[in-house]
Amino acid sequence: MTAEIPTLPKLTTLVSLRSWKRASGPLLQITRPCEAGLVATDESDLVALLHRLDDPEWLEWPSDYSNSKAAASLKRLASGLESAFGTRCPAEGNNQDSSEYGRVEIPATATVHGTRIIVCVSKFEPLALVTAENPGAYLGLDEAQALGDLDGKDLAKVQRAVHDAGFVAVPEELLDRRYDGQSRLFRLGREPHGQPSWWDRFFGFF
């Protein structure tokens, strides 16, 4: 598919914003499940999934990683989103030096409130992240909805497509938590002002 998504945000921008989030107070509770149970709402199950996928010997991709399979999964996701929104959803994949495989964009012109929606997928399937505008733009999907920038029906359509493509959507609030896994991510010192997060582990750059 033609790569038309803008360049990924610089890590320094995300680092400063994420550091500010942690310093500003407790994370928002993960309380807004998708219709029909399409997103796992049991936080302990999601945390267990993150730890299960956290292979200490494989940082950028898992030991059984298949680039062709990842490409097919991203294409399937993009196709589902295009069907749901009735418009072309640009996709970009095969990111280098990152545990994130790629992204699909739902254009702002296709959403109720004029805010684009970005779905990031990890090389560690089935992890996915749904964000309004960009990762780090809001404290999470709850805040985007509370501010009137994200429509609930739009979100439900995205979550349905994510689920149907075989992914598990992990809330950004959970990924923003401090990484406490087994890999050498701690020793890499990803953030100059704190420990790395789970976002760094499964969607960050190396």
N, C-alpha and C. Protein backbone atom coordinates (compact mmCIF):
# COMPACT_ATOMS: atom_id res chain seq x y z
N MET A 1 0.84 -1.19 0.00
CA MET A 1 0.00 0.00 0.00
C MET A 1 0.88 1.25 0.00
N THR A 2 0.42 2.31 -0.55
CA THR A 2 1.21 3.53 -0.63
C THR A 2 1.35 4.17 0.73
N ALA A 3 2.55 4.52 1.10
CA ALA A 3 2.81 5.13 2.41
C ALA A 3 2.50 6.61 2.34
N GLU A 4 1.45 7.04 3.05
CA GLU A 4 1.09 8.44 3.03
C GLU A 4 0.94 9.03 4.42
N ILE A 5 1.19 8.22 5.45
CA ILE A 5 1.08 8.74 6.80
C ILE A 5 2.30 9.62 7.09
N PRO A 6 2.11 10.78 7.72
CA PRO A 6 3.24 11.65 8.03
C PRO A 6 4.28 10.93 8.86
N THR A 7 5.48 11.47 8.87
CA THR A 7 6.59 10.88 9.61
C THR A 7 6.21 10.68 11.07
N LEU A 8 6.64 9.57 11.64
CA LEU A 8 6.34 9.27 13.03
C LEU A 8 6.88 10.37 13.93
N PRO A 9 6.17 10.68 15.03
CA PRO A 9 6.62 11.73 15.93
C PRO A 9 8.00 11.42 16.48
N LYS A 10 8.80 12.46 16.71
CA LYS A 10 10.13 12.26 17.25
C LYS A 10 10.02 11.74 18.68
N LEU A 11 10.94 10.83 19.02
CA LEU A 11 10.92 10.22 20.34
C LEU A 11 11.04 11.25 21.44
N THR A 12 11.82 12.31 21.22
CA THR A 12 12.01 13.30 22.26
C THR A 12 10.69 13.96 22.62
N THR A 13 9.82 14.18 21.63
CA THR A 13 8.52 14.78 21.90
C THR A 13 7.67 13.85 22.75
N LEU A 14 7.65 12.57 22.38
CA LEU A 14 6.87 11.61 23.12
C LEU A 14 7.43 11.42 24.53
N VAL A 15 8.75 11.42 24.64
CA VAL A 15 9.38 11.23 25.94
C VAL A 15 8.98 12.34 26.89
N SER A 16 9.06 13.60 26.44
CA SER A 16 8.76 14.71 27.32
C SER A 16 7.30 14.70 27.72
N LEU A 17 6.40 14.37 26.78
CA LEU A 17 4.99 14.34 27.08
C LEU A 17 4.67 13.21 28.05
N ARG A 18 5.25 12.04 27.81
CA ARG A 18 4.98 10.91 28.68
C ARG A 18 5.55 11.14 30.08
N SER A 19 6.71 11.80 30.16
CA SER A 19 7.27 12.11 31.46
C SER A 19 6.35 13.07 32.20
N TRP A 20 5.78 14.04 31.45
CA TRP A 20 4.86 14.99 32.06
C TRP A 20 3.62 14.28 32.57
N LYS A 21 3.13 13.31 31.80
CA LYS A 21 1.94 12.56 32.22
C LYS A 21 2.19 11.89 33.56
N ARG A 22 3.34 11.23 33.69
CA ARG A 22 3.61 10.48 34.91
C ARG A 22 3.77 11.42 36.10
N ALA A 23 4.33 12.61 35.84
CA ALA A 23 4.56 13.55 36.92
C ALA A 23 3.29 14.29 37.32
N SER A 24 2.29 14.33 36.41
CA SER A 24 1.12 15.15 36.64
C SER A 24 0.06 14.47 37.50
N GLY A 25 0.22 13.19 37.79
CA GLY A 25 -0.76 12.53 38.63
C GLY A 25 -1.07 11.13 38.17
N PRO A 26 -2.01 10.47 38.86
CA PRO A 26 -2.36 9.09 38.52
C PRO A 26 -2.89 8.99 37.10
N LEU A 27 -2.67 7.85 36.49
CA LEU A 27 -3.20 7.62 35.16
C LEU A 27 -4.70 7.50 35.21
N LEU A 28 -5.36 7.91 34.13
CA LEU A 28 -6.80 7.75 34.05
C LEU A 28 -7.16 6.28 34.13
N GLN A 29 -8.25 5.98 34.76
CA GLN A 29 -8.68 4.60 34.83
C GLN A 29 -9.15 4.13 33.46
N ILE A 30 -8.93 2.86 33.18
CA ILE A 30 -9.36 2.28 31.92
C ILE A 30 -10.79 1.79 32.13
N THR A 31 -11.76 2.64 31.81
CA THR A 31 -13.14 2.34 32.18
C THR A 31 -14.10 2.31 31.01
N ARG A 32 -13.67 2.59 29.79
CA ARG A 32 -14.61 2.69 28.69
C ARG A 32 -14.45 1.51 27.74
N PRO A 33 -15.13 0.38 28.02
CA PRO A 33 -15.02 -0.77 27.13
C PRO A 33 -15.77 -0.53 25.83
N CYS A 34 -15.35 -1.23 24.81
CA CYS A 34 -16.03 -1.14 23.52
C CYS A 34 -17.31 -1.97 23.55
N GLU A 35 -18.23 -1.64 22.66
CA GLU A 35 -19.47 -2.39 22.54
C GLU A 35 -19.15 -3.85 22.20
N ALA A 36 -19.98 -4.74 22.71
CA ALA A 36 -19.91 -6.18 22.41
C ALA A 36 -18.61 -6.83 22.90
N GLY A 37 -17.93 -6.17 23.85
CA GLY A 37 -16.74 -6.78 24.44
C GLY A 37 -15.61 -6.99 23.47
N LEU A 38 -15.41 -6.07 22.53
CA LEU A 38 -14.38 -6.25 21.52
C LEU A 38 -12.99 -5.95 22.04
N VAL A 39 -12.90 -5.24 23.16
CA VAL A 39 -11.60 -4.92 23.74
C VAL A 39 -11.52 -5.54 25.13
N ALA A 40 -10.42 -6.20 25.41
CA ALA A 40 -10.27 -6.81 26.73
C ALA A 40 -10.31 -5.72 27.79
N THR A 41 -11.20 -5.87 28.77
CA THR A 41 -11.35 -4.85 29.80
C THR A 41 -10.73 -5.29 31.12
N ASP A 42 -10.26 -6.51 31.21
CA ASP A 42 -9.61 -6.98 32.42
C ASP A 42 -8.15 -6.55 32.38
N GLU A 43 -7.82 -5.58 33.19
CA GLU A 43 -6.47 -5.03 33.17
C GLU A 43 -5.41 -6.08 33.48
N SER A 44 -5.73 -6.98 34.40
CA SER A 44 -4.74 -8.00 34.77
C SER A 44 -4.43 -8.91 33.58
N ASP A 45 -5.43 -9.19 32.74
CA ASP A 45 -5.19 -10.01 31.56
C ASP A 45 -4.28 -9.30 30.57
N LEU A 46 -4.50 -7.99 30.41
CA LEU A 46 -3.67 -7.22 29.48
C LEU A 46 -2.23 -7.14 29.98
N VAL A 47 -2.07 -6.92 31.28
CA VAL A 47 -0.73 -6.88 31.86
C VAL A 47 -0.04 -8.22 31.68
N ALA A 48 -0.78 -9.30 31.89
CA ALA A 48 -0.21 -10.63 31.70
C ALA A 48 0.21 -10.85 30.25
N LEU A 49 -0.59 -10.33 29.31
CA LEU A 49 -0.25 -10.45 27.89
C LEU A 49 1.05 -9.71 27.58
N LEU A 50 1.21 -8.51 28.13
CA LEU A 50 2.43 -7.74 27.90
C LEU A 50 3.65 -8.51 28.41
N HIS A 51 3.53 -9.08 29.58
CA HIS A 51 4.65 -9.83 30.15
C HIS A 51 4.92 -11.11 29.36
N ARG A 52 3.87 -11.74 28.87
CA ARG A 52 4.06 -12.98 28.11
C ARG A 52 4.80 -12.71 26.80
N LEU A 53 4.54 -11.56 26.18
CA LEU A 53 5.18 -11.22 24.91
C LEU A 53 6.57 -10.62 25.10
N ASP A 54 6.92 -10.31 26.33
CA ASP A 54 8.18 -9.62 26.63
C ASP A 54 9.35 -10.61 26.70
N ASP A 55 9.84 -11.00 25.54
CA ASP A 55 10.98 -11.92 25.46
C ASP A 55 12.26 -11.14 25.72
N PRO A 56 13.02 -11.47 26.77
CA PRO A 56 14.22 -10.70 27.10
C PRO A 56 15.31 -10.78 26.04
N GLU A 57 15.25 -11.77 25.16
CA GLU A 57 16.28 -11.94 24.14
C GLU A 57 15.92 -11.29 22.80
N TRP A 58 14.67 -10.89 22.65
CA TRP A 58 14.21 -10.35 21.37
C TRP A 58 13.50 -9.03 21.62
N LEU A 59 14.17 -7.92 21.27
CA LEU A 59 13.62 -6.60 21.57
C LEU A 59 12.80 -6.02 20.42
N GLU A 60 13.34 -6.07 19.21
CA GLU A 60 12.67 -5.39 18.09
C GLU A 60 11.53 -6.20 17.53
N TRP A 61 11.65 -7.51 17.55
CA TRP A 61 10.58 -8.39 17.08
C TRP A 61 10.71 -9.72 17.80
N PRO A 62 9.64 -10.53 17.84
CA PRO A 62 9.69 -11.82 18.52
C PRO A 62 10.48 -12.85 17.74
N SER A 63 10.82 -13.94 18.38
CA SER A 63 11.65 -14.96 17.74
C SER A 63 10.97 -15.60 16.54
N ASP A 64 9.64 -15.63 16.53
CA ASP A 64 8.91 -16.24 15.41
C ASP A 64 8.35 -15.19 14.45
N TYR A 65 8.96 -14.01 14.44
CA TYR A 65 8.45 -12.90 13.63
C TYR A 65 8.50 -13.21 12.13
N SER A 66 7.43 -12.84 11.45
CA SER A 66 7.34 -12.98 9.99
C SER A 66 6.93 -11.64 9.41
N ASN A 67 7.80 -11.03 8.62
CA ASN A 67 7.49 -9.74 8.02
C ASN A 67 6.29 -9.84 7.08
N SER A 68 6.20 -10.93 6.35
CA SER A 68 5.07 -11.09 5.42
C SER A 68 3.75 -11.24 6.18
N LYS A 69 3.79 -11.93 7.31
CA LYS A 69 2.58 -12.06 8.12
C LYS A 69 2.17 -10.72 8.70
N ALA A 70 3.15 -9.95 9.18
CA ALA A 70 2.86 -8.63 9.74
C ALA A 70 2.27 -7.72 8.67
N ALA A 71 2.82 -7.79 7.46
CA ALA A 71 2.31 -6.97 6.36
C ALA A 71 0.87 -7.36 6.02
N ALA A 72 0.58 -8.65 6.02
CA ALA A 72 -0.77 -9.12 5.72
C ALA A 72 -1.75 -8.67 6.80
N SER A 73 -1.32 -8.69 8.05
CA SER A 73 -2.18 -8.26 9.15
C SER A 73 -2.49 -6.78 9.04
N LEU A 74 -1.48 -5.97 8.71
CA LEU A 74 -1.69 -4.53 8.56
C LEU A 74 -2.63 -4.25 7.39
N LYS A 75 -2.45 -4.97 6.31
CA LYS A 75 -3.32 -4.79 5.14
C LYS A 75 -4.75 -5.16 5.48
N ARG A 76 -4.93 -6.25 6.23
CA ARG A 76 -6.27 -6.68 6.64
C ARG A 76 -6.93 -5.62 7.53
N LEU A 77 -6.15 -5.03 8.43
CA LEU A 77 -6.67 -3.98 9.29
C LEU A 77 -7.07 -2.76 8.48
N ALA A 78 -6.21 -2.33 7.57
CA ALA A 78 -6.51 -1.17 6.74
C ALA A 78 -7.77 -1.39 5.91
N SER A 79 -7.91 -2.59 5.38
CA SER A 79 -9.09 -2.92 4.58
C SER A 79 -10.37 -2.84 5.42
N GLY A 80 -10.30 -3.35 6.65
CA GLY A 80 -11.46 -3.29 7.53
C GLY A 80 -11.83 -1.87 7.90
N LEU A 81 -10.84 -1.04 8.14
CA LEU A 81 -11.10 0.36 8.47
C LEU A 81 -11.67 1.11 7.28
N GLU A 82 -11.17 0.81 6.10
CA GLU A 82 -11.70 1.46 4.89
C GLU A 82 -13.16 1.09 4.67
N SER A 83 -13.51 -0.15 4.93
CA SER A 83 -14.90 -0.58 4.80
C SER A 83 -15.78 0.11 5.84
N ALA A 84 -15.26 0.25 7.05
CA ALA A 84 -16.04 0.84 8.14
C ALA A 84 -16.29 2.33 7.93
N PHE A 85 -15.30 3.04 7.38
CA PHE A 85 -15.41 4.49 7.24
C PHE A 85 -15.71 4.94 5.82
N GLY A 86 -15.72 4.02 4.88
CA GLY A 86 -16.05 4.37 3.50
C GLY A 86 -15.07 5.31 2.85
N THR A 87 -13.81 5.19 3.22
CA THR A 87 -12.78 6.05 2.64
C THR A 87 -11.44 5.32 2.68
N ARG A 88 -10.49 5.82 1.93
CA ARG A 88 -9.17 5.22 1.94
C ARG A 88 -8.45 5.57 3.24
N CYS A 89 -7.87 4.57 3.87
CA CYS A 89 -7.13 4.75 5.11
C CYS A 89 -5.67 4.40 4.85
N PRO A 90 -4.81 5.40 4.67
CA PRO A 90 -3.40 5.15 4.35
C PRO A 90 -2.71 4.31 5.42
N ALA A 91 -1.86 3.42 4.97
CA ALA A 91 -1.12 2.55 5.89
C ALA A 91 0.37 2.62 5.58
N GLU A 92 1.16 2.54 6.63
CA GLU A 92 2.61 2.54 6.49
C GLU A 92 3.16 1.46 7.40
N GLY A 93 4.00 0.57 6.84
CA GLY A 93 4.51 -0.53 7.65
C GLY A 93 5.99 -0.77 7.47
N ASN A 94 6.45 -1.86 8.07
CA ASN A 94 7.86 -2.26 8.01
C ASN A 94 8.79 -1.20 8.58
N ASN A 95 8.40 -0.62 9.72
CA ASN A 95 9.24 0.38 10.37
C ASN A 95 10.58 -0.24 10.78
N GLN A 96 11.64 0.50 10.59
CA GLN A 96 12.98 0.03 10.92
C GLN A 96 13.41 0.49 12.31
N ASP A 97 14.19 -0.35 12.99
CA ASP A 97 14.73 -0.02 14.31
C ASP A 97 13.63 0.33 15.31
N SER A 98 12.51 -0.34 15.19
CA SER A 98 11.37 -0.09 16.07
C SER A 98 10.62 -1.39 16.30
N SER A 99 10.02 -1.52 17.47
CA SER A 99 9.17 -2.68 17.74
C SER A 99 7.75 -2.44 17.23
N GLU A 100 7.48 -1.25 16.75
CA GLU A 100 6.20 -0.97 16.07
C GLU A 100 6.35 -1.36 14.61
N TYR A 101 5.40 -2.15 14.10
CA TYR A 101 5.47 -2.53 12.68
C TYR A 101 4.97 -1.41 11.78
N GLY A 102 3.85 -0.80 12.14
CA GLY A 102 3.30 0.23 11.27
C GLY A 102 2.04 0.85 11.82
N ARG A 103 1.41 1.69 10.99
CA ARG A 103 0.23 2.44 11.41
C ARG A 103 -0.78 2.53 10.27
N VAL A 104 -2.03 2.69 10.67
CA VAL A 104 -3.10 2.99 9.72
C VAL A 104 -3.77 4.27 10.19
N GLU A 105 -4.08 5.15 9.27
CA GLU A 105 -4.70 6.43 9.60
C GLU A 105 -6.13 6.49 9.08
N ILE A 106 -7.06 6.83 9.97
CA ILE A 106 -8.41 7.18 9.54
C ILE A 106 -8.41 8.70 9.41
N PRO A 107 -8.56 9.23 8.20
CA PRO A 107 -8.43 10.68 7.99
C PRO A 107 -9.44 11.48 8.81
N ALA A 108 -9.05 12.68 9.19
CA ALA A 108 -9.93 13.56 9.96
C ALA A 108 -11.23 13.83 9.22
N THR A 109 -11.17 13.88 7.90
CA THR A 109 -12.37 14.16 7.10
C THR A 109 -13.40 13.05 7.18
N ALA A 110 -13.00 11.88 7.67
CA ALA A 110 -13.92 10.74 7.74
C ALA A 110 -14.51 10.55 9.14
N THR A 111 -14.09 11.37 10.11
CA THR A 111 -14.57 11.21 11.48
C THR A 111 -15.59 12.28 11.82
N VAL A 112 -16.43 12.00 12.80
CA VAL A 112 -17.52 12.89 13.17
C VAL A 112 -17.01 14.25 13.65
N HIS A 113 -15.96 14.24 14.47
CA HIS A 113 -15.47 15.48 15.06
C HIS A 113 -14.23 16.04 14.37
N GLY A 114 -13.86 15.49 13.24
CA GLY A 114 -12.74 16.04 12.49
C GLY A 114 -11.38 15.80 13.11
N THR A 115 -11.25 14.74 13.89
CA THR A 115 -9.96 14.36 14.47
C THR A 115 -9.54 13.03 13.87
N ARG A 116 -8.36 12.98 13.30
CA ARG A 116 -7.93 11.71 12.72
C ARG A 116 -7.69 10.69 13.82
N ILE A 117 -7.80 9.44 13.46
CA ILE A 117 -7.56 8.34 14.39
C ILE A 117 -6.42 7.50 13.84
N ILE A 118 -5.46 7.21 14.69
CA ILE A 118 -4.30 6.41 14.29
C ILE A 118 -4.33 5.07 15.03
N VAL A 119 -4.15 4.00 14.28
CA VAL A 119 -4.02 2.68 14.88
C VAL A 119 -2.59 2.20 14.65
N CYS A 120 -1.86 2.00 15.73
CA CYS A 120 -0.49 1.49 15.66
C CYS A 120 -0.51 -0.02 15.93
N VAL A 121 0.28 -0.76 15.19
CA VAL A 121 0.37 -2.20 15.44
C VAL A 121 1.83 -2.55 15.73
N SER A 122 2.01 -3.43 16.69
CA SER A 122 3.34 -3.84 17.11
C SER A 122 3.82 -5.04 16.30
N LYS A 123 5.14 -5.20 16.21
CA LYS A 123 5.69 -6.42 15.63
C LYS A 123 5.42 -7.62 16.54
N PHE A 124 5.07 -7.32 17.78
CA PHE A 124 4.69 -8.36 18.72
C PHE A 124 3.18 -8.53 18.67
N GLU A 125 2.72 -9.25 17.65
CA GLU A 125 1.28 -9.48 17.53
C GLU A 125 0.78 -10.28 18.74
N PRO A 126 -0.46 -9.94 19.19
CA PRO A 126 -1.49 -9.16 18.51
C PRO A 126 -1.65 -7.74 19.03
N LEU A 127 -0.61 -7.13 19.58
CA LEU A 127 -0.75 -5.83 20.23
C LEU A 127 -1.05 -4.71 19.24
N ALA A 128 -2.02 -3.87 19.61
CA ALA A 128 -2.36 -2.69 18.82
C ALA A 128 -2.68 -1.55 19.78
N LEU A 129 -2.58 -0.34 19.27
CA LEU A 129 -2.87 0.86 20.06
C LEU A 129 -3.73 1.79 19.22
N VAL A 130 -4.88 2.19 19.77
CA VAL A 130 -5.78 3.12 19.09
C VAL A 130 -5.62 4.48 19.75
N THR A 131 -5.34 5.51 18.96
CA THR A 131 -5.15 6.85 19.50
C THR A 131 -5.89 7.88 18.67
N ALA A 132 -6.27 8.96 19.32
CA ALA A 132 -6.84 10.11 18.62
C ALA A 132 -5.71 11.06 18.26
N GLU A 133 -5.61 11.41 17.00
CA GLU A 133 -4.61 12.33 16.45
C GLU A 133 -3.23 11.69 16.34
N ASN A 134 -2.64 11.27 17.46
CA ASN A 134 -1.31 10.65 17.49
C ASN A 134 -1.06 10.09 18.88
N PRO A 135 -0.19 9.12 19.03
CA PRO A 135 0.17 8.68 20.38
C PRO A 135 0.70 9.86 21.19
N GLY A 136 0.17 10.02 22.40
CA GLY A 136 0.63 11.10 23.26
C GLY A 136 -0.13 12.39 23.11
N ALA A 137 -1.02 12.50 22.13
CA ALA A 137 -1.77 13.74 21.94
C ALA A 137 -2.80 13.96 23.05
N TYR A 138 -3.31 12.87 23.60
CA TYR A 138 -4.27 12.92 24.71
C TYR A 138 -3.79 11.96 25.80
N LEU A 139 -4.37 12.10 26.98
CA LEU A 139 -4.04 11.17 28.05
C LEU A 139 -4.65 9.80 27.80
N GLY A 140 -5.48 9.69 26.81
CA GLY A 140 -6.12 8.43 26.46
C GLY A 140 -7.40 8.70 25.69
N LEU A 141 -8.08 7.65 25.30
CA LEU A 141 -9.31 7.80 24.52
C LEU A 141 -10.42 8.43 25.33
N ASP A 142 -10.45 8.18 26.65
CA ASP A 142 -11.46 8.80 27.49
C ASP A 142 -11.36 10.32 27.44
N GLU A 143 -10.13 10.83 27.52
CA GLU A 143 -9.95 12.28 27.49
C GLU A 143 -10.35 12.84 26.14
N ALA A 144 -9.99 12.16 25.06
CA ALA A 144 -10.35 12.63 23.73
C ALA A 144 -11.87 12.71 23.57
N GLN A 145 -12.57 11.73 24.13
CA GLN A 145 -14.04 11.76 24.07
C GLN A 145 -14.60 12.86 24.97
N ALA A 146 -14.03 13.01 26.16
CA ALA A 146 -14.52 14.02 27.10
C ALA A 146 -14.36 15.43 26.55
N LEU A 147 -13.32 15.63 25.77
CA LEU A 147 -13.07 16.95 25.17
C LEU A 147 -13.88 17.16 23.89
N GLY A 148 -14.62 16.16 23.48
CA GLY A 148 -15.44 16.29 22.28
C GLY A 148 -14.66 16.13 20.99
N ASP A 149 -13.48 15.51 21.06
CA ASP A 149 -12.66 15.35 19.87
C ASP A 149 -12.76 13.95 19.25
N LEU A 150 -13.39 13.03 19.95
CA LEU A 150 -13.51 11.66 19.46
C LEU A 150 -14.93 11.16 19.68
N ASP A 151 -15.56 10.71 18.62
CA ASP A 151 -16.93 10.22 18.70
C ASP A 151 -16.96 8.75 19.10
N GLY A 152 -17.88 8.39 19.99
CA GLY A 152 -17.97 7.02 20.46
C GLY A 152 -18.27 6.02 19.36
N LYS A 153 -19.11 6.40 18.41
CA LYS A 153 -19.44 5.49 17.32
C LYS A 153 -18.24 5.29 16.39
N ASP A 154 -17.48 6.35 16.18
CA ASP A 154 -16.24 6.21 15.39
C ASP A 154 -15.30 5.24 16.08
N LEU A 155 -15.16 5.41 17.40
CA LEU A 155 -14.26 4.54 18.16
C LEU A 155 -14.72 3.09 18.09
N ALA A 156 -16.03 2.87 18.20
CA ALA A 156 -16.56 1.51 18.13
C ALA A 156 -16.25 0.87 16.78
N LYS A 157 -16.33 1.65 15.71
CA LYS A 157 -16.02 1.11 14.38
C LYS A 157 -14.54 0.73 14.28
N VAL A 158 -13.69 1.56 14.86
CA VAL A 158 -12.26 1.26 14.84
C VAL A 158 -11.97 0.00 15.64
N GLN A 159 -12.56 -0.08 16.82
CA GLN A 159 -12.30 -1.23 17.68
C GLN A 159 -12.83 -2.53 17.06
N ARG A 160 -13.94 -2.43 16.35
CA ARG A 160 -14.46 -3.61 15.65
C ARG A 160 -13.47 -4.06 14.58
N ALA A 161 -12.94 -3.12 13.81
CA ALA A 161 -11.98 -3.47 12.75
C ALA A 161 -10.70 -4.04 13.34
N VAL A 162 -10.24 -3.47 14.45
CA VAL A 162 -9.04 -3.96 15.12
C VAL A 162 -9.25 -5.41 15.58
N HIS A 163 -10.38 -5.65 16.19
CA HIS A 163 -10.72 -6.99 16.66
C HIS A 163 -10.82 -7.97 15.50
N ASP A 164 -11.53 -7.58 14.45
CA ASP A 164 -11.74 -8.47 13.30
C ASP A 164 -10.43 -8.80 12.58
N ALA A 165 -9.46 -7.89 12.67
CA ALA A 165 -8.16 -8.13 12.03
C ALA A 165 -7.25 -9.01 12.89
N GLY A 166 -7.72 -9.37 14.08
CA GLY A 166 -6.96 -10.28 14.93
C GLY A 166 -6.07 -9.62 15.96
N PHE A 167 -6.26 -8.31 16.18
CA PHE A 167 -5.42 -7.59 17.13
C PHE A 167 -6.13 -7.42 18.47
N VAL A 168 -5.35 -7.14 19.50
CA VAL A 168 -5.86 -6.79 20.82
C VAL A 168 -5.47 -5.35 21.11
N ALA A 169 -6.45 -4.48 21.30
CA ALA A 169 -6.17 -3.07 21.56
C ALA A 169 -5.81 -2.88 23.03
N VAL A 170 -4.64 -2.33 23.28
CA VAL A 170 -4.18 -2.06 24.64
C VAL A 170 -4.30 -0.56 24.89
N PRO A 171 -4.98 -0.14 25.96
CA PRO A 171 -5.14 1.29 26.23
C PRO A 171 -3.80 2.00 26.39
N GLU A 172 -3.74 3.22 25.91
CA GLU A 172 -2.50 3.98 26.00
C GLU A 172 -2.11 4.22 27.45
N GLU A 173 -3.12 4.37 28.33
CA GLU A 173 -2.82 4.58 29.74
C GLU A 173 -2.01 3.43 30.32
N LEU A 174 -2.31 2.23 29.86
CA LEU A 174 -1.58 1.06 30.35
C LEU A 174 -0.17 1.01 29.77
N LEU A 175 -0.05 1.32 28.49
CA LEU A 175 1.27 1.31 27.86
C LEU A 175 2.18 2.41 28.41
N ASP A 176 1.59 3.46 28.96
CA ASP A 176 2.38 4.55 29.52
C ASP A 176 3.00 4.20 30.87
N ARG A 177 2.59 3.11 31.44
CA ARG A 177 3.14 2.74 32.74
C ARG A 177 4.60 2.31 32.64
N ARG A 178 5.29 2.45 33.74
CA ARG A 178 6.71 2.13 33.77
C ARG A 178 6.94 0.66 33.40
N TYR A 179 7.89 0.44 32.54
CA TYR A 179 8.24 -0.92 32.13
C TYR A 179 8.88 -1.66 33.29
N ASP A 180 8.35 -2.84 33.59
CA ASP A 180 8.92 -3.65 34.67
C ASP A 180 9.16 -5.08 34.21
N GLY A 181 9.48 -5.24 32.93
CA GLY A 181 9.71 -6.56 32.37
C GLY A 181 11.14 -7.04 32.54
N GLN A 182 11.49 -8.07 31.77
CA GLN A 182 12.77 -8.75 31.96
C GLN A 182 13.85 -8.36 30.95
N SER A 183 13.51 -7.64 29.92
CA SER A 183 14.48 -7.37 28.86
C SER A 183 15.49 -6.31 29.29
N ARG A 184 16.51 -6.13 28.46
CA ARG A 184 17.56 -5.14 28.75
C ARG A 184 17.13 -3.73 28.41
N LEU A 185 15.83 -3.52 28.22
CA LEU A 185 15.33 -2.18 27.95
C LEU A 185 15.73 -1.22 29.06
N PHE A 186 15.77 -1.73 30.30
CA PHE A 186 16.19 -0.91 31.43
C PHE A 186 17.59 -0.36 31.19
N ARG A 187 18.49 -1.21 30.73
CA ARG A 187 19.89 -0.81 30.58
C ARG A 187 20.11 0.08 29.36
N LEU A 188 19.16 0.08 28.43
CA LEU A 188 19.31 0.93 27.26
C LEU A 188 19.06 2.40 27.59
N GLY A 189 18.35 2.63 28.71
CA GLY A 189 18.11 4.01 29.12
C GLY A 189 17.35 4.80 28.08
N ARG A 190 16.17 4.32 27.66
CA ARG A 190 15.43 4.96 26.58
C ARG A 190 15.04 6.39 26.92
N GLU A 191 14.70 6.64 28.18
CA GLU A 191 14.27 7.98 28.54
C GLU A 191 15.34 8.65 29.41
N PRO A 192 15.70 9.88 29.08
CA PRO A 192 16.73 10.57 29.86
C PRO A 192 16.26 10.96 31.25
N HIS A 193 14.94 11.03 31.46
CA HIS A 193 14.43 11.51 32.74
C HIS A 193 13.58 10.47 33.45
N GLY A 194 13.83 9.21 33.20
CA GLY A 194 13.05 8.19 33.88
C GLY A 194 13.19 6.85 33.22
N GLN A 195 12.49 5.88 33.77
CA GLN A 195 12.53 4.53 33.24
C GLN A 195 11.68 4.43 31.98
N PRO A 196 11.98 3.47 31.12
CA PRO A 196 11.17 3.27 29.91
C PRO A 196 9.78 2.76 30.28
N SER A 197 8.86 2.90 29.34
CA SER A 197 7.49 2.46 29.54
C SER A 197 7.21 1.23 28.69
N TRP A 198 6.03 0.66 28.88
CA TRP A 198 5.63 -0.46 28.03
C TRP A 198 5.44 0.00 26.58
N TRP A 199 5.11 1.26 26.40
CA TRP A 199 5.04 1.80 25.03
C TRP A 199 6.41 1.72 24.37
N ASP A 200 7.45 2.08 25.11
CA ASP A 200 8.81 1.98 24.58
C ASP A 200 9.12 0.53 24.20
N ARG A 201 8.66 -0.40 25.01
CA ARG A 201 8.97 -1.81 24.77
C ARG A 201 8.34 -2.34 23.49
N PHE A 202 7.08 -2.04 23.25
CA PHE A 202 6.37 -2.66 22.14
C PHE A 202 6.03 -1.74 20.97
N PHE A 203 6.31 -0.43 21.12
CA PHE A 203 6.03 0.49 20.02
C PHE A 203 7.15 1.52 19.82
N GLY A 204 8.20 1.42 20.61
CA GLY A 204 9.25 2.43 20.57
C GLY A 204 10.37 2.12 19.60
N PHE A 205 11.36 3.00 19.60
CA PHE A 205 12.52 2.88 18.71
C PHE A 205 13.73 2.40 19.50
N PHE A 206 14.65 1.74 18.79
CA PHE A 206 15.87 1.23 19.42
C PHE A 206 17.10 1.80 18.73
